[in-house]
């Protein structure tokens, strides 16, 4: 339940992290 339940929030914040290169620039 932990693994599956945290997927939605984790995907959102991970995708934010994936765009940090542009944020840093």
PDBML (XML) file of the C-alpha atoms, coordinates in Angstrom:
<?xml version="1.0" encoding="UTF-8" ?>
<PDBx:datablock datablockName="MODEL"
   xmlns:PDBx="http://pdbml.pdb.org/schema/pdbx-v50.xsd"
   xmlns:xsi="http://www.w3.org/2001/XMLSchema-instance"
   xsi:schemaLocation="http://pdbml.pdb.org/schema/pdbx-v50.xsd pdbx-v50.xsd">
   <PDBx:atom_siteCategory>
      <PDBx:atom_site id="1">
         <PDBx:B_iso_or_equiv>0.00</PDBx:B_iso_or_equiv>
         <PDBx:Cartn_x>0.000</PDBx:Cartn_x>
         <PDBx:Cartn_y>0.000</PDBx:Cartn_y>
         <PDBx:Cartn_z>0.000</PDBx:Cartn_z>
         <PDBx:auth_asym_id>A</PDBx:auth_asym_id>
         <PDBx:auth_atom_id>CA</PDBx:auth_atom_id>
         <PDBx:auth_comp_id>UNK</PDBx:auth_comp_id>
         <PDBx:auth_seq_id>1</PDBx:auth_seq_id>
         <PDBx:group_PDB>ATOM</PDBx:group_PDB>
         <PDBx:label_alt_id xsi:nil="true" />
         <PDBx:label_asym_id>A</PDBx:label_asym_id>
         <PDBx:label_atom_id>CA</PDBx:label_atom_id>
         <PDBx:label_comp_id>UNK</PDBx:label_comp_id>
         <PDBx:label_entity_id>1</PDBx:label_entity_id>
         <PDBx:label_seq_id>1</PDBx:label_seq_id>
         <PDBx:occupancy>1.00</PDBx:occupancy>
         <PDBx:pdbx_PDB_model_num>1</PDBx:pdbx_PDB_model_num>
         <PDBx:type_symbol>C</PDBx:type_symbol>
      </PDBx:atom_site>
      <PDBx:atom_site id="2">
         <PDBx:B_iso_or_equiv>0.00</PDBx:B_iso_or_equiv>
         <PDBx:Cartn_x>2.923</PDBx:Cartn_x>
         <PDBx:Cartn_y>2.353</PDBx:Cartn_y>
         <PDBx:Cartn_z>0.659</PDBx:Cartn_z>
         <PDBx:auth_asym_id>A</PDBx:auth_asym_id>
         <PDBx:auth_atom_id>CA</PDBx:auth_atom_id>
         <PDBx:auth_comp_id>UNK</PDBx:auth_comp_id>
         <PDBx:auth_seq_id>2</PDBx:auth_seq_id>
         <PDBx:group_PDB>ATOM</PDBx:group_PDB>
         <PDBx:label_alt_id xsi:nil="true" />
         <PDBx:label_asym_id>A</PDBx:label_asym_id>
         <PDBx:label_atom_id>CA</PDBx:label_atom_id>
         <PDBx:label_comp_id>UNK</PDBx:label_comp_id>
         <PDBx:label_entity_id>1</PDBx:label_entity_id>
         <PDBx:label_seq_id>2</PDBx:label_seq_id>
         <PDBx:occupancy>1.00</PDBx:occupancy>
         <PDBx:pdbx_PDB_model_num>1</PDBx:pdbx_PDB_model_num>
         <PDBx:type_symbol>C</PDBx:type_symbol>
      </PDBx:atom_site>
      <PDBx:atom_site id="3">
         <PDBx:B_iso_or_equiv>0.00</PDBx:B_iso_or_equiv>
         <PDBx:Cartn_x>4.617</PDBx:Cartn_x>
         <PDBx:Cartn_y>1.627</PDBx:Cartn_y>
         <PDBx:Cartn_z>-2.664</PDBx:Cartn_z>
         <PDBx:auth_asym_id>A</PDBx:auth_asym_id>
         <PDBx:auth_atom_id>CA</PDBx:auth_atom_id>
         <PDBx:auth_comp_id>UNK</PDBx:auth_comp_id>
         <PDBx:auth_seq_id>3</PDBx:auth_seq_id>
         <PDBx:group_PDB>ATOM</PDBx:group_PDB>
         <PDBx:label_alt_id xsi:nil="true" />
         <PDBx:label_asym_id>A</PDBx:label_asym_id>
         <PDBx:label_atom_id>CA</PDBx:label_atom_id>
         <PDBx:label_comp_id>UNK</PDBx:label_comp_id>
         <PDBx:label_entity_id>1</PDBx:label_entity_id>
         <PDBx:label_seq_id>3</PDBx:label_seq_id>
         <PDBx:occupancy>1.00</PDBx:occupancy>
         <PDBx:pdbx_PDB_model_num>1</PDBx:pdbx_PDB_model_num>
         <PDBx:type_symbol>C</PDBx:type_symbol>
      </PDBx:atom_site>
      <PDBx:atom_site id="4">
         <PDBx:B_iso_or_equiv>0.00</PDBx:B_iso_or_equiv>
         <PDBx:Cartn_x>1.432</PDBx:Cartn_x>
         <PDBx:Cartn_y>2.059</PDBx:Cartn_y>
         <PDBx:Cartn_z>-4.707</PDBx:Cartn_z>
         <PDBx:auth_asym_id>A</PDBx:auth_asym_id>
         <PDBx:auth_atom_id>CA</PDBx:auth_atom_id>
         <PDBx:auth_comp_id>UNK</PDBx:auth_comp_id>
         <PDBx:auth_seq_id>4</PDBx:auth_seq_id>
         <PDBx:group_PDB>ATOM</PDBx:group_PDB>
         <PDBx:label_alt_id xsi:nil="true" />
         <PDBx:label_asym_id>A</PDBx:label_asym_id>
         <PDBx:label_atom_id>CA</PDBx:label_atom_id>
         <PDBx:label_comp_id>UNK</PDBx:label_comp_id>
         <PDBx:label_entity_id>1</PDBx:label_entity_id>
         <PDBx:label_seq_id>4</PDBx:label_seq_id>
         <PDBx:occupancy>1.00</PDBx:occupancy>
         <PDBx:pdbx_PDB_model_num>1</PDBx:pdbx_PDB_model_num>
         <PDBx:type_symbol>C</PDBx:type_symbol>
      </PDBx:atom_site>
      <PDBx:atom_site id="5">
         <PDBx:B_iso_or_equiv>0.00</PDBx:B_iso_or_equiv>
         <PDBx:Cartn_x>-0.062</PDBx:Cartn_x>
         <PDBx:Cartn_y>4.835</PDBx:Cartn_y>
         <PDBx:Cartn_z>-2.587</PDBx:Cartn_z>
         <PDBx:auth_asym_id>A</PDBx:auth_asym_id>
         <PDBx:auth_atom_id>CA</PDBx:auth_atom_id>
         <PDBx:auth_comp_id>UNK</PDBx:auth_comp_id>
         <PDBx:auth_seq_id>5</PDBx:auth_seq_id>
         <PDBx:group_PDB>ATOM</PDBx:group_PDB>
         <PDBx:label_alt_id xsi:nil="true" />
         <PDBx:label_asym_id>A</PDBx:label_asym_id>
         <PDBx:label_atom_id>CA</PDBx:label_atom_id>
         <PDBx:label_comp_id>UNK</PDBx:label_comp_id>
         <PDBx:label_entity_id>1</PDBx:label_entity_id>
         <PDBx:label_seq_id>5</PDBx:label_seq_id>
         <PDBx:occupancy>1.00</PDBx:occupancy>
         <PDBx:pdbx_PDB_model_num>1</PDBx:pdbx_PDB_model_num>
         <PDBx:type_symbol>C</PDBx:type_symbol>
      </PDBx:atom_site>
      <PDBx:atom_site id="6">
         <PDBx:B_iso_or_equiv>0.00</PDBx:B_iso_or_equiv>
         <PDBx:Cartn_x>2.887</PDBx:Cartn_x>
         <PDBx:Cartn_y>7.222</PDBx:Cartn_y>
         <PDBx:Cartn_z>-2.850</PDBx:Cartn_z>
         <PDBx:auth_asym_id>A</PDBx:auth_asym_id>
         <PDBx:auth_atom_id>CA</PDBx:auth_atom_id>
         <PDBx:auth_comp_id>UNK</PDBx:auth_comp_id>
         <PDBx:auth_seq_id>6</PDBx:auth_seq_id>
         <PDBx:group_PDB>ATOM</PDBx:group_PDB>
         <PDBx:label_alt_id xsi:nil="true" />
         <PDBx:label_asym_id>A</PDBx:label_asym_id>
         <PDBx:label_atom_id>CA</PDBx:label_atom_id>
         <PDBx:label_comp_id>UNK</PDBx:label_comp_id>
         <PDBx:label_entity_id>1</PDBx:label_entity_id>
         <PDBx:label_seq_id>6</PDBx:label_seq_id>
         <PDBx:occupancy>1.00</PDBx:occupancy>
         <PDBx:pdbx_PDB_model_num>1</PDBx:pdbx_PDB_model_num>
         <PDBx:type_symbol>C</PDBx:type_symbol>
      </PDBx:atom_site>
      <PDBx:atom_site id="7">
         <PDBx:B_iso_or_equiv>0.00</PDBx:B_iso_or_equiv>
         <PDBx:Cartn_x>3.291</PDBx:Cartn_x>
         <PDBx:Cartn_y>6.848</PDBx:Cartn_y>
         <PDBx:Cartn_z>-6.613</PDBx:Cartn_z>
         <PDBx:auth_asym_id>A</PDBx:auth_asym_id>
         <PDBx:auth_atom_id>CA</PDBx:auth_atom_id>
         <PDBx:auth_comp_id>UNK</PDBx:auth_comp_id>
         <PDBx:auth_seq_id>7</PDBx:auth_seq_id>
         <PDBx:group_PDB>ATOM</PDBx:group_PDB>
         <PDBx:label_alt_id xsi:nil="true" />
         <PDBx:label_asym_id>A</PDBx:label_asym_id>
         <PDBx:label_atom_id>CA</PDBx:label_atom_id>
         <PDBx:label_comp_id>UNK</PDBx:label_comp_id>
         <PDBx:label_entity_id>1</PDBx:label_entity_id>
         <PDBx:label_seq_id>7</PDBx:label_seq_id>
         <PDBx:occupancy>1.00</PDBx:occupancy>
         <PDBx:pdbx_PDB_model_num>1</PDBx:pdbx_PDB_model_num>
         <PDBx:type_symbol>C</PDBx:type_symbol>
      </PDBx:atom_site>
      <PDBx:atom_site id="8">
         <PDBx:B_iso_or_equiv>0.00</PDBx:B_iso_or_equiv>
         <PDBx:Cartn_x>1.018</PDBx:Cartn_x>
         <PDBx:Cartn_y>9.787</PDBx:Cartn_y>
         <PDBx:Cartn_z>-7.616</PDBx:Cartn_z>
         <PDBx:auth_asym_id>A</PDBx:auth_asym_id>
         <PDBx:auth_atom_id>CA</PDBx:auth_atom_id>
         <PDBx:auth_comp_id>UNK</PDBx:auth_comp_id>
         <PDBx:auth_seq_id>8</PDBx:auth_seq_id>
         <PDBx:group_PDB>ATOM</PDBx:group_PDB>
         <PDBx:label_alt_id xsi:nil="true" />
         <PDBx:label_asym_id>A</PDBx:label_asym_id>
         <PDBx:label_atom_id>CA</PDBx:label_atom_id>
         <PDBx:label_comp_id>UNK</PDBx:label_comp_id>
         <PDBx:label_entity_id>1</PDBx:label_entity_id>
         <PDBx:label_seq_id>8</PDBx:label_seq_id>
         <PDBx:occupancy>1.00</PDBx:occupancy>
         <PDBx:pdbx_PDB_model_num>1</PDBx:pdbx_PDB_model_num>
         <PDBx:type_symbol>C</PDBx:type_symbol>
      </PDBx:atom_site>
      <PDBx:atom_site id="9">
         <PDBx:B_iso_or_equiv>0.00</PDBx:B_iso_or_equiv>
         <PDBx:Cartn_x>2.757</PDBx:Cartn_x>
         <PDBx:Cartn_y>12.354</PDBx:Cartn_y>
         <PDBx:Cartn_z>-5.426</PDBx:Cartn_z>
         <PDBx:auth_asym_id>A</PDBx:auth_asym_id>
         <PDBx:auth_atom_id>CA</PDBx:auth_atom_id>
         <PDBx:auth_comp_id>UNK</PDBx:auth_comp_id>
         <PDBx:auth_seq_id>9</PDBx:auth_seq_id>
         <PDBx:group_PDB>ATOM</PDBx:group_PDB>
         <PDBx:label_alt_id xsi:nil="true" />
         <PDBx:label_asym_id>A</PDBx:label_asym_id>
         <PDBx:label_atom_id>CA</PDBx:label_atom_id>
         <PDBx:label_comp_id>UNK</PDBx:label_comp_id>
         <PDBx:label_entity_id>1</PDBx:label_entity_id>
         <PDBx:label_seq_id>9</PDBx:label_seq_id>
         <PDBx:occupancy>1.00</PDBx:occupancy>
         <PDBx:pdbx_PDB_model_num>1</PDBx:pdbx_PDB_model_num>
         <PDBx:type_symbol>C</PDBx:type_symbol>
      </PDBx:atom_site>
      <PDBx:atom_site id="10">
         <PDBx:B_iso_or_equiv>0.00</PDBx:B_iso_or_equiv>
         <PDBx:Cartn_x>6.192</PDBx:Cartn_x>
         <PDBx:Cartn_y>10.946</PDBx:Cartn_y>
         <PDBx:Cartn_z>-6.173</PDBx:Cartn_z>
         <PDBx:auth_asym_id>A</PDBx:auth_asym_id>
         <PDBx:auth_atom_id>CA</PDBx:auth_atom_id>
         <PDBx:auth_comp_id>UNK</PDBx:auth_comp_id>
         <PDBx:auth_seq_id>10</PDBx:auth_seq_id>
         <PDBx:group_PDB>ATOM</PDBx:group_PDB>
         <PDBx:label_alt_id xsi:nil="true" />
         <PDBx:label_asym_id>A</PDBx:label_asym_id>
         <PDBx:label_atom_id>CA</PDBx:label_atom_id>
         <PDBx:label_comp_id>UNK</PDBx:label_comp_id>
         <PDBx:label_entity_id>1</PDBx:label_entity_id>
         <PDBx:label_seq_id>10</PDBx:label_seq_id>
         <PDBx:occupancy>1.00</PDBx:occupancy>
         <PDBx:pdbx_PDB_model_num>1</PDBx:pdbx_PDB_model_num>
         <PDBx:type_symbol>C</PDBx:type_symbol>
      </PDBx:atom_site>
      <PDBx:atom_site id="11">
         <PDBx:B_iso_or_equiv>0.00</PDBx:B_iso_or_equiv>
         <PDBx:Cartn_x>5.656</PDBx:Cartn_x>
         <PDBx:Cartn_y>11.157</PDBx:Cartn_y>
         <PDBx:Cartn_z>-9.927</PDBx:Cartn_z>
         <PDBx:auth_asym_id>A</PDBx:auth_asym_id>
         <PDBx:auth_atom_id>CA</PDBx:auth_atom_id>
         <PDBx:auth_comp_id>UNK</PDBx:auth_comp_id>
         <PDBx:auth_seq_id>11</PDBx:auth_seq_id>
         <PDBx:group_PDB>ATOM</PDBx:group_PDB>
         <PDBx:label_alt_id xsi:nil="true" />
         <PDBx:label_asym_id>A</PDBx:label_asym_id>
         <PDBx:label_atom_id>CA</PDBx:label_atom_id>
         <PDBx:label_comp_id>UNK</PDBx:label_comp_id>
         <PDBx:label_entity_id>1</PDBx:label_entity_id>
         <PDBx:label_seq_id>11</PDBx:label_seq_id>
         <PDBx:occupancy>1.00</PDBx:occupancy>
         <PDBx:pdbx_PDB_model_num>1</PDBx:pdbx_PDB_model_num>
         <PDBx:type_symbol>C</PDBx:type_symbol>
      </PDBx:atom_site>
      <PDBx:atom_site id="12">
         <PDBx:B_iso_or_equiv>0.00</PDBx:B_iso_or_equiv>
         <PDBx:Cartn_x>4.547</PDBx:Cartn_x>
         <PDBx:Cartn_y>14.789</PDBx:Cartn_y>
         <PDBx:Cartn_z>-9.650</PDBx:Cartn_z>
         <PDBx:auth_asym_id>A</PDBx:auth_asym_id>
         <PDBx:auth_atom_id>CA</PDBx:auth_atom_id>
         <PDBx:auth_comp_id>UNK</PDBx:auth_comp_id>
         <PDBx:auth_seq_id>12</PDBx:auth_seq_id>
         <PDBx:group_PDB>ATOM</PDBx:group_PDB>
         <PDBx:label_alt_id xsi:nil="true" />
         <PDBx:label_asym_id>A</PDBx:label_asym_id>
         <PDBx:label_atom_id>CA</PDBx:label_atom_id>
         <PDBx:label_comp_id>UNK</PDBx:label_comp_id>
         <PDBx:label_entity_id>1</PDBx:label_entity_id>
         <PDBx:label_seq_id>12</PDBx:label_seq_id>
         <PDBx:occupancy>1.00</PDBx:occupancy>
         <PDBx:pdbx_PDB_model_num>1</PDBx:pdbx_PDB_model_num>
         <PDBx:type_symbol>C</PDBx:type_symbol>
      </PDBx:atom_site>
      <PDBx:atom_site id="13">
         <PDBx:B_iso_or_equiv>0.00</PDBx:B_iso_or_equiv>
         <PDBx:Cartn_x>7.551</PDBx:Cartn_x>
         <PDBx:Cartn_y>15.900</PDBx:Cartn_y>
         <PDBx:Cartn_z>-7.595</PDBx:Cartn_z>
         <PDBx:auth_asym_id>A</PDBx:auth_asym_id>
         <PDBx:auth_atom_id>CA</PDBx:auth_atom_id>
         <PDBx:auth_comp_id>UNK</PDBx:auth_comp_id>
         <PDBx:auth_seq_id>13</PDBx:auth_seq_id>
         <PDBx:group_PDB>ATOM</PDBx:group_PDB>
         <PDBx:label_alt_id xsi:nil="true" />
         <PDBx:label_asym_id>A</PDBx:label_asym_id>
         <PDBx:label_atom_id>CA</PDBx:label_atom_id>
         <PDBx:label_comp_id>UNK</PDBx:label_comp_id>
         <PDBx:label_entity_id>1</PDBx:label_entity_id>
         <PDBx:label_seq_id>13</PDBx:label_seq_id>
         <PDBx:occupancy>1.00</PDBx:occupancy>
         <PDBx:pdbx_PDB_model_num>1</PDBx:pdbx_PDB_model_num>
         <PDBx:type_symbol>C</PDBx:type_symbol>
      </PDBx:atom_site>
      <PDBx:atom_site id="14">
         <PDBx:B_iso_or_equiv>0.00</PDBx:B_iso_or_equiv>
         <PDBx:Cartn_x>9.973</PDBx:Cartn_x>
         <PDBx:Cartn_y>13.762</PDBx:Cartn_y>
         <PDBx:Cartn_z>-9.608</PDBx:Cartn_z>
         <PDBx:auth_asym_id>A</PDBx:auth_asym_id>
         <PDBx:auth_atom_id>CA</PDBx:auth_atom_id>
         <PDBx:auth_comp_id>UNK</PDBx:auth_comp_id>
         <PDBx:auth_seq_id>14</PDBx:auth_seq_id>
         <PDBx:group_PDB>ATOM</PDBx:group_PDB>
         <PDBx:label_alt_id xsi:nil="true" />
         <PDBx:label_asym_id>A</PDBx:label_asym_id>
         <PDBx:label_atom_id>CA</PDBx:label_atom_id>
         <PDBx:label_comp_id>UNK</PDBx:label_comp_id>
         <PDBx:label_entity_id>1</PDBx:label_entity_id>
         <PDBx:label_seq_id>14</PDBx:label_seq_id>
         <PDBx:occupancy>1.00</PDBx:occupancy>
         <PDBx:pdbx_PDB_model_num>1</PDBx:pdbx_PDB_model_num>
         <PDBx:type_symbol>C</PDBx:type_symbol>
      </PDBx:atom_site>
      <PDBx:atom_site id="15">
         <PDBx:B_iso_or_equiv>0.00</PDBx:B_iso_or_equiv>
         <PDBx:Cartn_x>8.745</PDBx:Cartn_x>
         <PDBx:Cartn_y>15.431</PDBx:Cartn_y>
         <PDBx:Cartn_z>-12.790</PDBx:Cartn_z>
         <PDBx:auth_asym_id>A</PDBx:auth_asym_id>
         <PDBx:auth_atom_id>CA</PDBx:auth_atom_id>
         <PDBx:auth_comp_id>UNK</PDBx:auth_comp_id>
         <PDBx:auth_seq_id>15</PDBx:auth_seq_id>
         <PDBx:group_PDB>ATOM</PDBx:group_PDB>
         <PDBx:label_alt_id xsi:nil="true" />
         <PDBx:label_asym_id>A</PDBx:label_asym_id>
         <PDBx:label_atom_id>CA</PDBx:label_atom_id>
         <PDBx:label_comp_id>UNK</PDBx:label_comp_id>
         <PDBx:label_entity_id>1</PDBx:label_entity_id>
         <PDBx:label_seq_id>15</PDBx:label_seq_id>
         <PDBx:occupancy>1.00</PDBx:occupancy>
         <PDBx:pdbx_PDB_model_num>1</PDBx:pdbx_PDB_model_num>
         <PDBx:type_symbol>C</PDBx:type_symbol>
      </PDBx:atom_site>
      <PDBx:atom_site id="16">
         <PDBx:B_iso_or_equiv>0.00</PDBx:B_iso_or_equiv>
         <PDBx:Cartn_x>9.342</PDBx:Cartn_x>
         <PDBx:Cartn_y>18.819</PDBx:Cartn_y>
         <PDBx:Cartn_z>-11.141</PDBx:Cartn_z>
         <PDBx:auth_asym_id>A</PDBx:auth_asym_id>
         <PDBx:auth_atom_id>CA</PDBx:auth_atom_id>
         <PDBx:auth_comp_id>UNK</PDBx:auth_comp_id>
         <PDBx:auth_seq_id>16</PDBx:auth_seq_id>
         <PDBx:group_PDB>ATOM</PDBx:group_PDB>
         <PDBx:label_alt_id xsi:nil="true" />
         <PDBx:label_asym_id>A</PDBx:label_asym_id>
         <PDBx:label_atom_id>CA</PDBx:label_atom_id>
         <PDBx:label_comp_id>UNK</PDBx:label_comp_id>
         <PDBx:label_entity_id>1</PDBx:label_entity_id>
         <PDBx:label_seq_id>16</PDBx:label_seq_id>
         <PDBx:occupancy>1.00</PDBx:occupancy>
         <PDBx:pdbx_PDB_model_num>1</PDBx:pdbx_PDB_model_num>
         <PDBx:type_symbol>C</PDBx:type_symbol>
      </PDBx:atom_site>
      <PDBx:atom_site id="17">
         <PDBx:B_iso_or_equiv>0.00</PDBx:B_iso_or_equiv>
         <PDBx:Cartn_x>12.867</PDBx:Cartn_x>
         <PDBx:Cartn_y>17.676</PDBx:Cartn_y>
         <PDBx:Cartn_z>-10.356</PDBx:Cartn_z>
         <PDBx:auth_asym_id>A</PDBx:auth_asym_id>
         <PDBx:auth_atom_id>CA</PDBx:auth_atom_id>
         <PDBx:auth_comp_id>UNK</PDBx:auth_comp_id>
         <PDBx:auth_seq_id>17</PDBx:auth_seq_id>
         <PDBx:group_PDB>ATOM</PDBx:group_PDB>
         <PDBx:label_alt_id xsi:nil="true" />
         <PDBx:label_asym_id>A</PDBx:label_asym_id>
         <PDBx:label_atom_id>CA</PDBx:label_atom_id>
         <PDBx:label_comp_id>UNK</PDBx:label_comp_id>
         <PDBx:label_entity_id>1</PDBx:label_entity_id>
         <PDBx:label_seq_id>17</PDBx:label_seq_id>
         <PDBx:occupancy>1.00</PDBx:occupancy>
         <PDBx:pdbx_PDB_model_num>1</PDBx:pdbx_PDB_model_num>
         <PDBx:type_symbol>C</PDBx:type_symbol>
      </PDBx:atom_site>
      <PDBx:atom_site id="18">
         <PDBx:B_iso_or_equiv>0.00</PDBx:B_iso_or_equiv>
         <PDBx:Cartn_x>13.368</PDBx:Cartn_x>
         <PDBx:Cartn_y>16.555</PDBx:Cartn_y>
         <PDBx:Cartn_z>-13.956</PDBx:Cartn_z>
         <PDBx:auth_asym_id>A</PDBx:auth_asym_id>
         <PDBx:auth_atom_id>CA</PDBx:auth_atom_id>
         <PDBx:auth_comp_id>UNK</PDBx:auth_comp_id>
         <PDBx:auth_seq_id>18</PDBx:auth_seq_id>
         <PDBx:group_PDB>ATOM</PDBx:group_PDB>
         <PDBx:label_alt_id xsi:nil="true" />
         <PDBx:label_asym_id>A</PDBx:label_asym_id>
         <PDBx:label_atom_id>CA</PDBx:label_atom_id>
         <PDBx:label_comp_id>UNK</PDBx:label_comp_id>
         <PDBx:label_entity_id>1</PDBx:label_entity_id>
         <PDBx:label_seq_id>18</PDBx:label_seq_id>
         <PDBx:occupancy>1.00</PDBx:occupancy>
         <PDBx:pdbx_PDB_model_num>1</PDBx:pdbx_PDB_model_num>
         <PDBx:type_symbol>C</PDBx:type_symbol>
      </PDBx:atom_site>
      <PDBx:atom_site id="19">
         <PDBx:B_iso_or_equiv>0.00</PDBx:B_iso_or_equiv>
         <PDBx:Cartn_x>12.797</PDBx:Cartn_x>
         <PDBx:Cartn_y>20.159</PDBx:Cartn_y>
         <PDBx:Cartn_z>-15.040</PDBx:Cartn_z>
         <PDBx:auth_asym_id>A</PDBx:auth_asym_id>
         <PDBx:auth_atom_id>CA</PDBx:auth_atom_id>
         <PDBx:auth_comp_id>UNK</PDBx:auth_comp_id>
         <PDBx:auth_seq_id>19</PDBx:auth_seq_id>
         <PDBx:group_PDB>ATOM</PDBx:group_PDB>
         <PDBx:label_alt_id xsi:nil="true" />
         <PDBx:label_asym_id>A</PDBx:label_asym_id>
         <PDBx:label_atom_id>CA</PDBx:label_atom_id>
         <PDBx:label_comp_id>UNK</PDBx:label_comp_id>
         <PDBx:label_entity_id>1</PDBx:label_entity_id>
         <PDBx:label_seq_id>19</PDBx:label_seq_id>
         <PDBx:occupancy>1.00</PDBx:occupancy>
         <PDBx:pdbx_PDB_model_num>1</PDBx:pdbx_PDB_model_num>
         <PDBx:type_symbol>C</PDBx:type_symbol>
      </PDBx:atom_site>
      <PDBx:atom_site id="20">
         <PDBx:B_iso_or_equiv>0.00</PDBx:B_iso_or_equiv>
         <PDBx:Cartn_x>15.195</PDBx:Cartn_x>
         <PDBx:Cartn_y>21.701</PDBx:Cartn_y>
         <PDBx:Cartn_z>-12.542</PDBx:Cartn_z>
         <PDBx:auth_asym_id>A</PDBx:auth_asym_id>
         <PDBx:auth_atom_id>CA</PDBx:auth_atom_id>
         <PDBx:auth_comp_id>UNK</PDBx:auth_comp_id>
         <PDBx:auth_seq_id>20</PDBx:auth_seq_id>
         <PDBx:group_PDB>ATOM</PDBx:group_PDB>
         <PDBx:label_alt_id xsi:nil="true" />
         <PDBx:label_asym_id>A</PDBx:label_asym_id>
         <PDBx:label_atom_id>CA</PDBx:label_atom_id>
         <PDBx:label_comp_id>UNK</PDBx:label_comp_id>
         <PDBx:label_entity_id>1</PDBx:label_entity_id>
         <PDBx:label_seq_id>20</PDBx:label_seq_id>
         <PDBx:occupancy>1.00</PDBx:occupancy>
         <PDBx:pdbx_PDB_model_num>1</PDBx:pdbx_PDB_model_num>
         <PDBx:type_symbol>C</PDBx:type_symbol>
      </PDBx:atom_site>
      <PDBx:atom_site id="21">
         <PDBx:B_iso_or_equiv>0.00</PDBx:B_iso_or_equiv>
         <PDBx:Cartn_x>17.836</PDBx:Cartn_x>
         <PDBx:Cartn_y>22.293</PDBx:Cartn_y>
         <PDBx:Cartn_z>-15.214</PDBx:Cartn_z>
         <PDBx:auth_asym_id>A</PDBx:auth_asym_id>
         <PDBx:auth_atom_id>CA</PDBx:auth_atom_id>
         <PDBx:auth_comp_id>UNK</PDBx:auth_comp_id>
         <PDBx:auth_seq_id>21</PDBx:auth_seq_id>
         <PDBx:group_PDB>ATOM</PDBx:group_PDB>
         <PDBx:label_alt_id xsi:nil="true" />
         <PDBx:label_asym_id>A</PDBx:label_asym_id>
         <PDBx:label_atom_id>CA</PDBx:label_atom_id>
         <PDBx:label_comp_id>UNK</PDBx:label_comp_id>
         <PDBx:label_entity_id>1</PDBx:label_entity_id>
         <PDBx:label_seq_id>21</PDBx:label_seq_id>
         <PDBx:occupancy>1.00</PDBx:occupancy>
         <PDBx:pdbx_PDB_model_num>1</PDBx:pdbx_PDB_model_num>
         <PDBx:type_symbol>C</PDBx:type_symbol>
      </PDBx:atom_site>
      <PDBx:atom_site id="22">
         <PDBx:B_iso_or_equiv>0.00</PDBx:B_iso_or_equiv>
         <PDBx:Cartn_x>15.711</PDBx:Cartn_x>
         <PDBx:Cartn_y>25.031</PDBx:Cartn_y>
         <PDBx:Cartn_z>-16.762</PDBx:Cartn_z>
         <PDBx:auth_asym_id>A</PDBx:auth_asym_id>
         <PDBx:auth_atom_id>CA</PDBx:auth_atom_id>
         <PDBx:auth_comp_id>UNK</PDBx:auth_comp_id>
         <PDBx:auth_seq_id>22</PDBx:auth_seq_id>
         <PDBx:group_PDB>ATOM</PDBx:group_PDB>
         <PDBx:label_alt_id xsi:nil="true" />
         <PDBx:label_asym_id>A</PDBx:label_asym_id>
         <PDBx:label_atom_id>CA</PDBx:label_atom_id>
         <PDBx:label_comp_id>UNK</PDBx:label_comp_id>
         <PDBx:label_entity_id>1</PDBx:label_entity_id>
         <PDBx:label_seq_id>22</PDBx:label_seq_id>
         <PDBx:occupancy>1.00</PDBx:occupancy>
         <PDBx:pdbx_PDB_model_num>1</PDBx:pdbx_PDB_model_num>
         <PDBx:type_symbol>C</PDBx:type_symbol>
      </PDBx:atom_site>
      <PDBx:atom_site id="23">
         <PDBx:B_iso_or_equiv>0.00</PDBx:B_iso_or_equiv>
         <PDBx:Cartn_x>14.777</PDBx:Cartn_x>
         <PDBx:Cartn_y>26.355</PDBx:Cartn_y>
         <PDBx:Cartn_z>-13.321</PDBx:Cartn_z>
         <PDBx:auth_asym_id>A</PDBx:auth_asym_id>
         <PDBx:auth_atom_id>CA</PDBx:auth_atom_id>
         <PDBx:auth_comp_id>UNK</PDBx:auth_comp_id>
         <PDBx:auth_seq_id>23</PDBx:auth_seq_id>
         <PDBx:group_PDB>ATOM</PDBx:group_PDB>
         <PDBx:label_alt_id xsi:nil="true" />
         <PDBx:label_asym_id>A</PDBx:label_asym_id>
         <PDBx:label_atom_id>CA</PDBx:label_atom_id>
         <PDBx:label_comp_id>UNK</PDBx:label_comp_id>
         <PDBx:label_entity_id>1</PDBx:label_entity_id>
         <PDBx:label_seq_id>23</PDBx:label_seq_id>
         <PDBx:occupancy>1.00</PDBx:occupancy>
         <PDBx:pdbx_PDB_model_num>1</PDBx:pdbx_PDB_model_num>
         <PDBx:type_symbol>C</PDBx:type_symbol>
      </PDBx:atom_site>
      <PDBx:atom_site id="24">
         <PDBx:B_iso_or_equiv>0.00</PDBx:B_iso_or_equiv>
         <PDBx:Cartn_x>18.467</PDBx:Cartn_x>
         <PDBx:Cartn_y>26.691</PDBx:Cartn_y>
         <PDBx:Cartn_z>-12.420</PDBx:Cartn_z>
         <PDBx:auth_asym_id>A</PDBx:auth_asym_id>
         <PDBx:auth_atom_id>CA</PDBx:auth_atom_id>
         <PDBx:auth_comp_id>UNK</PDBx:auth_comp_id>
         <PDBx:auth_seq_id>24</PDBx:auth_seq_id>
         <PDBx:group_PDB>ATOM</PDBx:group_PDB>
         <PDBx:label_alt_id xsi:nil="true" />
         <PDBx:label_asym_id>A</PDBx:label_asym_id>
         <PDBx:label_atom_id>CA</PDBx:label_atom_id>
         <PDBx:label_comp_id>UNK</PDBx:label_comp_id>
         <PDBx:label_entity_id>1</PDBx:label_entity_id>
         <PDBx:label_seq_id>24</PDBx:label_seq_id>
         <PDBx:occupancy>1.00</PDBx:occupancy>
         <PDBx:pdbx_PDB_model_num>1</PDBx:pdbx_PDB_model_num>
         <PDBx:type_symbol>C</PDBx:type_symbol>
      </PDBx:atom_site>
      <PDBx:atom_site id="25">
         <PDBx:B_iso_or_equiv>0.00</PDBx:B_iso_or_equiv>
         <PDBx:Cartn_x>19.194</PDBx:Cartn_x>
         <PDBx:Cartn_y>28.492</PDBx:Cartn_y>
         <PDBx:Cartn_z>-15.675</PDBx:Cartn_z>
         <PDBx:auth_asym_id>A</PDBx:auth_asym_id>
         <PDBx:auth_atom_id>CA</PDBx:auth_atom_id>
         <PDBx:auth_comp_id>UNK</PDBx:auth_comp_id>
         <PDBx:auth_seq_id>25</PDBx:auth_seq_id>
         <PDBx:group_PDB>ATOM</PDBx:group_PDB>
         <PDBx:label_alt_id xsi:nil="true" />
         <PDBx:label_asym_id>A</PDBx:label_asym_id>
         <PDBx:label_atom_id>CA</PDBx:label_atom_id>
         <PDBx:label_comp_id>UNK</PDBx:label_comp_id>
         <PDBx:label_entity_id>1</PDBx:label_entity_id>
         <PDBx:label_seq_id>25</PDBx:label_seq_id>
         <PDBx:occupancy>1.00</PDBx:occupancy>
         <PDBx:pdbx_PDB_model_num>1</PDBx:pdbx_PDB_model_num>
         <PDBx:type_symbol>C</PDBx:type_symbol>
      </PDBx:atom_site>
   </PDBx:atom_siteCategory>
</PDBx:datablock>
